[in-house]
Protein backbone atom coordinates (compact mmCIF):
# COMPACT_ATOMS: atom_id res chain seq x y z
CA MET A 1 66.39 105.44 158.25
CA ALA A 2 64.14 104.46 161.24
CA PHE A 3 64.09 106.35 164.88
CA CYS A 4 63.18 104.91 168.15
CA ASN A 5 62.36 106.18 171.10
CA LEU A 6 64.20 105.52 174.26
CA SER A 7 61.31 104.14 175.78
CA GLN A 8 61.66 101.69 172.96
CA LEU A 9 64.89 100.78 174.05
CA SER A 10 64.08 98.82 177.58
CA ILE A 11 65.01 95.56 176.36
CA VAL A 12 68.70 96.52 175.09
CA GLN A 13 69.95 97.39 178.64
CA LYS A 14 73.27 96.62 179.32
CA THR A 15 74.74 95.66 182.47
CA TYR A 16 79.08 96.57 182.84
CA ILE A 17 80.31 94.49 184.69
CA ASP A 18 83.21 95.82 186.28
CA MET A 19 85.37 92.44 187.05
CA LYS A 20 88.58 90.94 186.95
CA GLU A 21 86.77 87.37 186.93
CA THR A 22 85.00 87.08 183.75
CA LYS A 23 83.40 83.20 183.69
CA ILE A 24 80.84 82.00 185.80
CA ASP A 25 81.63 78.91 187.30
CA LEU A 26 78.76 76.80 187.92
CA HIS A 27 80.74 74.04 190.79
CA ASN A 28 80.53 76.91 192.89
CA LYS A 29 77.55 77.54 194.75
CA GLU A 30 78.64 80.99 196.12
CA ALA A 31 79.54 82.14 192.77
CA ILE A 32 76.34 81.48 191.30
CA LYS A 33 74.67 83.49 193.77
CA GLU A 34 77.06 86.13 193.49
CA TRP A 35 76.64 86.31 190.16
CA SER A 36 72.90 85.99 190.00
CA ILE A 37 72.71 89.05 192.26
CA LYS A 38 75.58 91.32 190.02
CA LEU A 39 73.56 90.08 186.58
CA ASN A 40 70.01 90.89 188.48
CA CYS A 41 68.47 87.68 187.79
CA GLU A 42 66.93 84.60 189.41
CA GLU A 43 69.75 80.96 190.24
CA LYS A 44 68.09 78.97 188.18
CA ASP A 45 67.79 81.52 185.09
CA LEU A 46 71.74 82.19 185.37
CA ILE A 47 72.02 78.20 185.17
CA HIS A 48 69.97 77.71 182.42
CA ALA A 49 72.20 80.18 180.65
CA VAL A 50 75.63 78.86 181.45
CA MET A 51 74.51 75.56 179.59
CA VAL A 52 72.77 77.16 177.00
CA ILE A 53 75.32 79.88 175.77
CA GLY A 54 78.55 79.33 177.93
CA ASN A 55 80.58 80.70 180.83
CA SER A 56 81.17 84.39 179.47
CA THR A 57 79.56 87.03 182.08
CA GLN A 58 78.70 88.96 179.07
CA MET A 59 77.50 86.37 176.84
CA VAL A 60 75.36 85.28 179.89
CA ASP A 61 74.22 89.08 180.37
CA ASP A 62 73.15 89.39 176.83
CA PHE A 63 71.15 85.96 176.90
CA LEU A 64 69.25 87.01 179.76
CA ILE A 65 68.44 90.21 178.41
CA LEU A 66 67.15 88.60 174.87
CA ASN A 67 65.41 86.08 176.43
CA ARG A 68 63.75 88.68 179.12
CA LYS A 69 64.67 86.51 182.42
CA LYS A 70 66.84 89.83 183.37
CA LYS A 71 64.90 91.83 186.20
CA VAL A 72 64.56 95.28 184.97
CA GLU A 73 64.46 97.86 187.41
CA TYR A 74 62.14 101.20 186.46
């Protein structure tokens, strides 16, 4: 059984978005700006994530975390 300390889990930080809207609309510039703020990433990284993984906010959030495109606050 492997154990790890909390400092090793920093890459696995999740964003819990409490929103009714769970899809990102790339055709709406305001939505892109809003979602990049909520997901704490650059707009270009958000657009890239949606193009690769789809427009589900949870999938995009996971993609940004795994590809280290998400800004991490310490």
